[in-house]
Amino acid sequence: MKNKMSLKPVWVFWFVVIACCFSGCYPGIREEITQFSSLKKLNPKTYPLFVDNIEFQGLTASIDNSLLYFKKVPLERKFHYGKEIYTAGHMITSLETFKAFLEKQPSSKALNDFIKSSFIVYQAAGNEDGEVLFTGYFEPIFDGRIEKSEEFPYPVYSRPQDLLEIDLSAFSDKYKGHQRLMARVNDSTKRVVPYYSRQQINAIEDFHTRSKPVVWLKSRVDRFFLEVQGSGRINLGNGDVLRVHYAASNGNAYRSIGRYLIGKNEILKENMSMQAIRTWLEKHPQRMDEVLHHNESFVFFQTEDGGPYGSLGVEVTALRSIATDSRLFPKGALCFMQAQLPDKKNSSSLKEWEPASFFVLNQDTGGAIKGPARADLFCGNGDYAEFTAGHMNKYGKLFFLVLKPGQG
């Protein structure tokens, strides 16, 4: 597995893909965007008005979860805010200072005065207009069983025994910071090759022998959307609920089936939503292979108490945790987003979305969340969360806050 010659066919291909990601190959995005230019430092005179429209609910808990992360890493670990660097120790002080001020239940004016005097605010580069596209994800609930049956024939796979994770930085420092490659050893050639695609996995009849199912679902559509969300609750039918969480992926590129269906004129762009995709798939079972296999990415799961957990290994909080491109933005950071949310009192109508602003923590990432103009909001669980996550496709602005050095 450590043989560089056998790795070459894999890493040359993936290096091209990764290089494209790092150079900013995103529609409508300035190509020069990198870790050092993804955030723009603002003059205090241009700070946004900091108003939390959801009344700070859950914010303290989310801050505490980021603090758990920062206290587990070396205190000198560096976090980039554009060209400026702050240590984990400073991030801890920053969050603790902000949390302590919130406990005073400040007025809107006091909060804004405090941020202006004590915090540096950066704006995410976004697209050419400086905007970020916000989408949503949630924790779904599906029916399932521990044992396979005619009613529950679709396995939710655990991490396969033959799935390799390759860290290119072990071969050369020039690959530091690049994503790890998921691969396998070809049985006949003994070379390392990309791991099986979704279509290949579905075609391998005995795949369960290398990847033990953690639970069985009644629908392929349920399994696909469980993968998209990355975690979920499984109702086992006997009063018990199983929590399943992301364990690994096959490393194949994520491709949107929603975009595919729009391109095929199956769903109008203005009508696109998670719910619309589910309805279309259930009405066209004969085309399910065609559509689902368009997305070659495949997710594997593990059972775990609590959660759901983000990429930092801490629990994400409803409407307080976001996922961004981890190569561009500081992990665990305090953020402020301006977008839209549906009215909780009337979430059945798309027309009831209203402007909203609130504080969030950058606690997750995702295969489809790439570039400086993308962020994914964790919406929680339940009907409101499902509706919001399924329909959220709103442009707004994203800001990152950090305590001024010497404060606190």
Protein backbone atom coordinates (compact mmCIF):
# COMPACT_ATOMS: atom_id res chain seq x y z
CA MET A 1 0.00 0.00 0.00
CA LYS A 2 2.96 2.32 0.50
CA ASN A 3 4.40 1.59 -2.94
CA LYS A 4 4.62 4.92 -4.78
CA MET A 5 4.65 3.28 -8.19
CA SER A 6 1.37 1.50 -7.59
CA LEU A 7 -0.18 4.74 -6.28
CA LYS A 8 0.77 6.82 -9.30
CA PRO A 9 -2.25 6.04 -11.52
CA VAL A 10 -4.50 7.12 -8.64
CA TRP A 11 -2.83 10.20 -7.27
CA VAL A 12 -2.09 11.78 -10.66
CA PHE A 13 -5.81 11.70 -11.45
CA TRP A 14 -6.85 12.96 -8.03
CA PHE A 15 -4.16 15.63 -7.94
CA VAL A 16 -5.73 17.18 -11.05
CA VAL A 17 -9.14 17.12 -9.38
CA ILE A 18 -7.81 18.60 -6.15
CA ALA A 19 -5.79 21.24 -7.97
CA CYS A 20 -8.96 22.32 -9.75
CA CYS A 21 -10.72 22.68 -6.42
CA PHE A 22 -7.88 24.71 -4.94
CA SER A 23 -7.64 27.03 -7.91
CA GLY A 24 -11.28 28.03 -7.53
CA CYS A 25 -13.05 26.19 -10.34
CA TYR A 26 -16.48 27.40 -9.32
CA PRO A 27 -19.04 29.09 -11.59
CA GLY A 28 -19.17 32.82 -10.99
CA ILE A 29 -16.27 32.76 -8.54
CA ARG A 30 -13.08 34.77 -8.82
CA GLU A 31 -10.34 32.28 -9.66
CA GLU A 32 -7.83 33.76 -7.22
CA ILE A 33 -9.87 32.77 -4.15
CA THR A 34 -7.71 30.72 -1.77
CA GLN A 35 -7.46 30.17 1.96
CA PHE A 36 -5.69 33.53 2.17
CA SER A 37 -8.30 35.51 0.23
CA SER A 38 -11.50 33.71 1.21
CA LEU A 39 -12.17 36.27 3.96
CA LYS A 40 -12.10 40.05 3.69
CA LYS A 41 -11.38 42.08 6.83
CA LEU A 42 -14.00 44.78 7.33
CA ASN A 43 -13.64 48.29 8.65
CA PRO A 44 -15.78 48.65 11.82
CA LYS A 45 -17.75 51.35 9.99
CA THR A 46 -18.95 48.72 7.51
CA TYR A 47 -19.87 46.00 10.03
CA PRO A 48 -23.36 44.58 9.47
CA LEU A 49 -26.11 45.16 12.01
CA PHE A 50 -25.92 42.19 14.35
CA VAL A 51 -29.47 41.10 15.13
CA ASP A 52 -30.31 37.52 16.10
CA ASN A 53 -33.80 36.88 14.78
CA ILE A 54 -34.12 33.55 16.58
CA GLU A 55 -33.40 35.14 19.95
CA PHE A 56 -30.08 33.40 20.63
CA GLN A 57 -31.85 30.05 21.16
CA GLY A 58 -29.28 27.23 21.16
CA LEU A 59 -26.36 29.57 20.55
CA THR A 60 -24.64 29.01 23.89
CA ALA A 61 -24.81 25.23 23.43
CA SER A 62 -23.30 25.54 19.96
CA ILE A 63 -20.50 27.77 21.27
CA ASP A 64 -19.78 25.17 23.95
CA ASN A 65 -19.46 22.50 21.26
CA SER A 66 -16.88 24.55 19.35
CA LEU A 67 -15.02 25.07 22.64
CA LEU A 68 -14.92 21.28 23.08
CA TYR A 69 -13.17 21.06 19.71
CA PHE A 70 -10.65 23.84 20.36
CA LYS A 71 -9.75 22.42 23.77
CA LYS A 72 -8.91 19.05 22.21
CA VAL A 73 -6.42 20.41 19.67
CA PRO A 74 -2.98 21.87 20.45
CA LEU A 75 -3.34 25.43 21.77
CA GLU A 76 -0.85 26.66 19.15
CA ARG A 77 -2.75 25.21 16.19
CA LYS A 78 -3.22 27.92 13.58
CA PHE A 79 -6.52 29.08 12.09
CA HIS A 80 -6.49 31.33 9.05
CA TYR A 81 -8.78 34.33 8.70
CA GLY A 82 -7.64 35.38 5.27
CA LYS A 83 -4.03 36.50 5.66
CA GLU A 84 -4.21 36.67 9.44
CA ILE A 85 -3.66 33.79 11.82
CA TYR A 86 -5.10 33.06 15.26
CA THR A 87 -4.21 30.16 17.53
CA ALA A 88 -6.60 27.68 19.09
CA GLY A 89 -5.86 29.34 22.42
CA HIS A 90 -7.04 32.67 21.04
CA MET A 91 -10.13 31.03 19.52
CA ILE A 92 -11.02 29.70 22.97
CA THR A 93 -10.66 33.16 24.52
CA SER A 94 -12.69 34.66 21.69
CA LEU A 95 -15.64 32.30 22.15
CA GLU A 96 -15.56 32.45 25.94
CA THR A 97 -15.57 36.26 25.82
CA PHE A 98 -18.52 36.34 23.44
CA LYS A 99 -20.44 33.75 25.49
CA ALA A 100 -19.86 35.66 28.73
CA PHE A 101 -21.24 38.82 27.15
CA LEU A 102 -24.36 36.99 25.92
CA GLU A 103 -25.07 35.87 29.47
CA LYS A 104 -25.67 39.54 30.34
CA GLN A 105 -28.65 39.47 27.95
CA PRO A 106 -27.49 42.64 26.19
CA SER A 107 -29.68 44.98 24.20
CA SER A 108 -29.20 45.11 20.43
CA LYS A 109 -27.24 48.36 20.75
CA ALA A 110 -25.02 46.98 23.51
CA LEU A 111 -24.29 43.86 21.45
CA ASN A 112 -23.32 45.85 18.38
CA ASP A 113 -21.19 48.26 20.41
CA PHE A 114 -19.45 45.30 22.05
CA ILE A 115 -18.68 43.61 18.72
CA LYS A 116 -17.46 46.85 17.17
CA SER A 117 -15.08 47.57 20.07
CA SER A 118 -13.85 44.04 20.80
CA PHE A 119 -14.11 41.93 17.65
CA ILE A 120 -12.67 41.83 14.15
CA VAL A 121 -15.25 40.96 11.51
CA TYR A 122 -14.43 39.32 8.18
CA GLN A 123 -16.80 38.78 5.27
CA ALA A 124 -16.74 35.59 3.22
CA ALA A 125 -15.63 36.35 -0.34
CA GLY A 126 -18.69 34.66 -1.77
CA ASN A 127 -19.41 34.93 -5.49
CA GLU A 128 -18.68 37.90 -7.72
CA ASP A 129 -21.41 39.83 -5.89
CA GLY A 130 -20.03 38.88 -2.48
CA GLU A 131 -22.97 36.58 -1.79
CA VAL A 132 -23.06 33.06 -0.39
CA LEU A 133 -25.58 30.42 -1.45
CA PHE A 134 -27.14 28.87 1.66
CA THR A 135 -28.68 25.43 1.51
CA GLY A 136 -29.84 23.23 4.39
CA TYR A 137 -29.55 19.75 5.78
CA PHE A 138 -31.37 17.97 8.60
CA GLU A 139 -31.54 14.74 10.59
CA PRO A 140 -34.20 12.53 8.92
CA ILE A 141 -36.18 9.72 10.52
CA PHE A 142 -36.73 6.51 8.56
CA ASP A 143 -38.30 3.13 9.30
CA GLY A 144 -35.81 0.27 9.36
CA ARG A 145 -34.91 -3.08 10.87
CA ILE A 146 -31.76 -4.74 12.19
CA GLU A 147 -32.42 -7.85 10.07
CA LYS A 148 -33.10 -8.00 6.34
CA SER A 149 -36.62 -8.87 5.21
CA GLU A 150 -38.83 -8.55 2.13
CA GLU A 151 -40.18 -5.26 3.51
CA PHE A 152 -36.71 -3.98 4.45
CA PRO A 153 -34.28 -5.17 1.74
CA TYR A 154 -31.92 -2.19 1.37
CA PRO A 155 -28.73 -2.20 3.46
CA VAL A 156 -27.13 0.83 5.08
CA TYR A 157 -23.49 -0.23 4.82
CA SER A 158 -20.74 0.20 7.38
CA ARG A 159 -17.22 1.18 6.37
CA PRO A 160 -15.91 -1.57 4.03
CA GLN A 161 -12.94 -3.64 5.16
CA ASP A 162 -11.14 -3.03 1.86
CA LEU A 163 -11.57 0.76 1.88
CA LEU A 164 -8.18 2.51 2.08
CA GLU A 165 -7.62 6.13 3.10
CA ILE A 166 -4.47 7.56 1.53
CA ASP A 167 -2.78 10.64 2.96
CA LEU A 168 -0.65 12.11 0.16
CA SER A 169 1.25 14.32 2.62
CA ALA A 170 2.98 11.16 3.85
CA PHE A 171 4.73 11.04 0.46
CA SER A 172 5.61 14.71 0.07
CA ASP A 173 5.12 17.97 1.94
CA LYS A 174 3.79 19.55 -1.26
CA TYR A 175 0.55 17.60 -0.75
CA LYS A 176 -0.09 18.94 2.76
CA GLY A 177 -3.60 20.27 3.08
CA HIS A 178 -4.95 18.17 0.20
CA GLN A 179 -7.92 15.96 0.81
CA ARG A 180 -7.24 12.29 1.48
CA LEU A 181 -7.93 9.73 -1.22
CA MET A 182 -10.28 6.79 -0.77
CA ALA A 183 -9.11 3.71 -2.65
CA ARG A 184 -8.80 -0.08 -2.75
CA VAL A 185 -6.32 -2.67 -3.96
CA ASN A 186 -7.29 -4.28 -7.25
CA ASP A 187 -7.30 -8.04 -6.64
CA SER A 188 -5.81 -8.98 -10.01
CA THR A 189 -3.25 -6.22 -10.61
CA LYS A 190 -2.45 -5.52 -6.93
CA ARG A 191 -2.48 -1.82 -7.77
CA VAL A 192 -4.24 0.84 -5.75
CA VAL A 193 -7.26 2.16 -7.66
CA PRO A 194 -10.22 4.45 -6.85
CA TYR A 195 -12.87 2.82 -4.69
CA TYR A 196 -16.04 1.41 -6.25
CA SER A 197 -18.62 3.89 -7.53
CA ARG A 198 -22.26 3.84 -6.47
CA GLN A 199 -23.21 1.83 -9.55
CA GLN A 200 -20.45 -0.70 -8.91
CA ILE A 201 -21.39 -1.10 -5.24
CA ASN A 202 -25.02 -1.72 -6.14
CA ALA A 203 -23.94 -4.33 -8.69
CA ILE A 204 -21.79 -6.36 -6.26
CA GLU A 205 -24.16 -9.01 -4.88
CA ASP A 206 -21.93 -9.99 -1.96
CA PHE A 207 -20.86 -6.48 -1.01
CA HIS A 208 -22.28 -7.15 2.45
CA THR A 209 -19.36 -9.55 3.04
CA ARG A 210 -16.87 -6.67 2.99
CA SER A 211 -19.22 -4.05 4.43
CA LYS A 212 -21.56 -5.32 7.14
CA PRO A 213 -24.97 -3.57 7.07
CA VAL A 214 -25.75 -1.60 10.23
CA VAL A 215 -29.49 -1.52 9.47
CA TRP A 216 -31.92 -2.30 6.63
CA LEU A 217 -34.34 0.20 5.06
CA LYS A 218 -37.47 -0.31 2.99
CA SER A 219 -36.55 2.15 0.25
CA ARG A 220 -33.52 2.98 -1.90
CA VAL A 221 -34.76 6.55 -1.87
CA ASP A 222 -34.62 6.60 1.92
CA ARG A 223 -31.06 5.31 1.81
CA PHE A 224 -30.00 7.89 -0.76
CA PHE A 225 -31.38 10.78 1.26
CA LEU A 226 -29.82 9.38 4.41
CA GLU A 227 -26.48 9.60 2.58
CA VAL A 228 -27.18 13.17 1.47
CA GLN A 229 -27.94 14.24 5.05
CA GLY A 230 -25.04 12.28 6.54
CA SER A 231 -26.90 11.08 9.65
CA GLY A 232 -30.34 10.02 10.73
CA ARG A 233 -32.59 8.22 13.17
CA ILE A 234 -33.95 4.79 12.31
CA ASN A 235 -37.27 3.75 13.85
CA LEU A 236 -36.85 0.02 14.48
CA GLY A 237 -40.58 -0.61 14.97
CA ASN A 238 -40.29 -1.89 18.53
CA GLY A 239 -40.00 1.42 20.32
CA ASP A 240 -36.25 1.63 19.82
CA VAL A 241 -34.51 4.26 17.72
CA LEU A 242 -31.07 3.70 16.17
CA ARG A 243 -28.82 6.71 15.52
CA VAL A 244 -26.61 6.30 12.44
CA HIS A 245 -23.82 8.68 11.50
CA TYR A 246 -21.38 9.21 8.65
CA ALA A 247 -18.38 6.87 8.86
CA ALA A 248 -16.68 7.32 5.46
CA SER A 249 -17.35 7.75 1.78
CA ASN A 250 -16.09 5.99 -1.33
CA GLY A 251 -14.24 9.16 -2.34
CA ASN A 252 -16.00 9.45 -5.69
CA ALA A 253 -17.08 12.94 -6.68
CA TYR A 254 -20.48 14.11 -5.47
CA ARG A 255 -22.79 14.98 -8.35
CA SER A 256 -26.22 16.53 -7.83
CA ILE A 257 -29.14 14.45 -9.06
CA GLY A 258 -31.29 17.55 -8.72
CA ARG A 259 -29.17 19.33 -11.29
CA TYR A 260 -29.31 16.19 -13.44
CA LEU A 261 -33.13 16.14 -13.35
CA ILE A 262 -33.27 19.84 -14.22
CA GLY A 263 -30.94 19.22 -17.17
CA LYS A 264 -33.22 16.41 -18.37
CA ASN A 265 -36.25 18.74 -18.09
CA GLU A 266 -37.83 16.40 -15.57
CA ILE A 267 -38.20 19.03 -12.83
CA LEU A 268 -38.31 22.76 -13.41
CA LYS A 269 -35.53 24.69 -11.72
CA GLU A 270 -38.00 26.89 -9.85
CA ASN A 271 -39.75 23.77 -8.49
CA MET A 272 -36.60 21.95 -7.42
CA SER A 273 -36.45 20.72 -3.82
CA MET A 274 -35.56 17.59 -1.90
CA GLN A 275 -39.27 16.80 -1.71
CA ALA A 276 -39.65 17.21 -5.49
CA ILE A 277 -36.76 14.80 -6.11
CA ARG A 278 -38.28 12.19 -3.79
CA THR A 279 -41.67 12.46 -5.49
CA TRP A 280 -40.10 12.10 -8.96
CA LEU A 281 -38.04 9.04 -7.96
CA GLU A 282 -41.03 7.30 -6.41
CA LYS A 283 -43.08 7.92 -9.55
CA HIS A 284 -40.31 6.68 -11.89
CA PRO A 285 -38.85 3.51 -10.30
CA GLN A 286 -37.77 2.25 -13.73
CA ARG A 287 -35.33 5.18 -14.01
CA MET A 288 -33.98 5.04 -10.46
CA ASP A 289 -30.70 3.42 -11.50
CA GLU A 290 -30.11 6.05 -14.18
CA VAL A 291 -30.67 8.96 -11.80
CA LEU A 292 -29.13 7.67 -8.57
CA HIS A 293 -26.05 6.32 -10.34
CA HIS A 294 -25.41 9.80 -11.74
CA ASN A 295 -24.05 10.56 -8.27
CA GLU A 296 -21.06 8.22 -7.97
CA SER A 297 -20.45 9.18 -4.35
CA PHE A 298 -21.53 6.61 -1.74
CA VAL A 299 -21.62 7.09 2.04
CA PHE A 300 -20.98 4.46 4.73
CA PHE A 301 -22.37 4.67 8.26
CA GLN A 302 -21.77 3.70 11.85
CA THR A 303 -24.04 3.57 14.89
CA GLU A 304 -23.34 6.02 17.66
CA ASP A 305 -25.20 7.50 20.62
CA GLY A 306 -26.08 11.18 20.52
CA GLY A 307 -25.45 13.48 17.64
CA PRO A 308 -25.72 14.23 14.87
CA TYR A 309 -22.04 15.09 14.71
CA GLY A 310 -20.26 17.47 12.37
CA SER A 311 -16.78 17.11 10.93
CA LEU A 312 -15.24 18.48 14.14
CA GLY A 313 -16.50 15.48 16.09
CA VAL A 314 -18.94 17.58 18.13
CA GLU A 315 -22.72 17.72 17.99
CA VAL A 316 -24.27 20.16 15.56
CA THR A 317 -27.09 22.41 16.77
CA ALA A 318 -30.30 23.23 14.91
CA LEU A 319 -30.03 26.60 13.13
CA ARG A 320 -26.69 27.22 14.85
CA SER A 321 -24.26 25.01 12.91
CA ILE A 322 -23.11 25.44 9.34
CA ALA A 323 -20.98 23.44 6.96
CA THR A 324 -18.44 25.23 4.74
CA ASP A 325 -15.41 24.35 2.65
CA SER A 326 -12.89 23.37 5.34
CA ARG A 327 -9.98 24.33 3.06
CA LEU A 328 -11.10 27.95 2.91
CA PHE A 329 -12.68 28.86 6.24
CA PRO A 330 -11.58 28.44 9.90
CA LYS A 331 -13.09 25.44 11.65
CA GLY A 332 -15.17 25.98 14.76
CA ALA A 333 -15.39 29.74 14.17
CA LEU A 334 -18.14 32.09 15.30
CA CYS A 335 -20.10 33.37 12.30
CA PHE A 336 -23.06 35.56 11.47
CA MET A 337 -25.29 34.81 8.50
CA GLN A 338 -27.85 36.90 6.67
CA ALA A 339 -30.28 34.85 4.59
CA GLN A 340 -33.92 33.77 4.79
CA LEU A 341 -35.93 31.30 6.86
CA PRO A 342 -39.53 30.12 6.50
CA ASP A 343 -42.08 31.37 8.99
CA LYS A 344 -42.44 28.64 11.63
CA LYS A 345 -46.12 29.46 11.94
CA ASN A 346 -46.75 28.81 8.24
CA SER A 347 -43.98 26.60 6.86
CA SER A 348 -46.28 25.00 4.27
CA SER A 349 -45.95 27.96 1.92
CA LEU A 350 -42.79 28.84 0.05
CA LYS A 351 -44.00 32.46 -0.04
CA GLU A 352 -43.58 32.78 3.72
CA TRP A 353 -39.78 32.89 3.69
CA GLU A 354 -38.56 36.03 5.39
CA PRO A 355 -35.18 37.77 5.78
CA ALA A 356 -33.34 36.46 8.82
CA SER A 357 -30.00 37.00 10.49
CA PHE A 358 -28.46 34.99 13.31
CA PHE A 359 -25.18 33.74 14.75
CA VAL A 360 -23.87 30.29 13.78
CA LEU A 361 -20.74 28.20 14.34
CA ASN A 362 -18.68 26.69 11.51
CA GLN A 363 -18.76 23.06 12.67
CA ASP A 364 -19.15 20.88 9.60
CA THR A 365 -18.18 20.35 5.97
CA GLY A 366 -19.52 18.30 3.08
CA GLY A 367 -18.71 16.83 -0.30
CA ALA A 368 -21.03 19.25 -2.09
CA ILE A 369 -20.01 22.31 -0.05
CA LYS A 370 -17.10 23.64 -2.07
CA GLY A 371 -15.78 27.12 -2.66
CA PRO A 372 -16.15 30.51 -0.97
CA ALA A 373 -19.79 30.97 -2.01
CA ARG A 374 -21.39 27.92 -0.35
CA ALA A 375 -22.66 27.15 3.14
CA ASP A 376 -25.04 24.49 4.44
CA LEU A 377 -27.21 25.20 7.50
CA PHE A 378 -28.10 22.36 9.87
CA CYS A 379 -31.85 22.68 10.40
CA GLY A 380 -32.39 20.04 13.12
CA ASN A 381 -35.06 17.35 12.90
CA GLY A 382 -38.82 17.26 12.54
CA ASP A 383 -41.24 18.71 9.99
CA TYR A 384 -39.96 22.29 10.07
CA ALA A 385 -36.36 21.13 9.71
CA GLU A 386 -37.24 18.85 6.79
CA PHE A 387 -39.19 21.58 5.02
CA THR A 388 -36.46 24.18 5.56
CA ALA A 389 -33.61 21.90 4.52
CA GLY A 390 -35.52 20.61 1.51
CA HIS A 391 -36.36 24.02 0.11
CA MET A 392 -33.52 26.26 1.28
CA ASN A 393 -31.67 27.67 -1.69
CA LYS A 394 -31.15 31.28 -0.69
CA TYR A 395 -28.40 33.81 -1.32
CA GLY A 396 -27.12 35.92 1.53
CA LYS A 397 -23.97 37.00 3.30
CA LEU A 398 -21.67 35.27 5.75
CA PHE A 399 -19.37 36.92 8.28
CA PHE A 400 -16.70 35.52 10.62
CA LEU A 401 -15.99 37.10 14.01
CA VAL A 402 -12.88 36.78 16.16
CA LEU A 403 -11.75 38.66 19.24
CA LYS A 404 -9.20 41.42 18.73
CA PRO A 405 -5.75 40.41 20.04
CA GLY A 406 -5.21 41.71 23.55
CA GLN A 407 -8.92 41.68 24.40
CA GLY A 408 -10.65 39.28 26.76
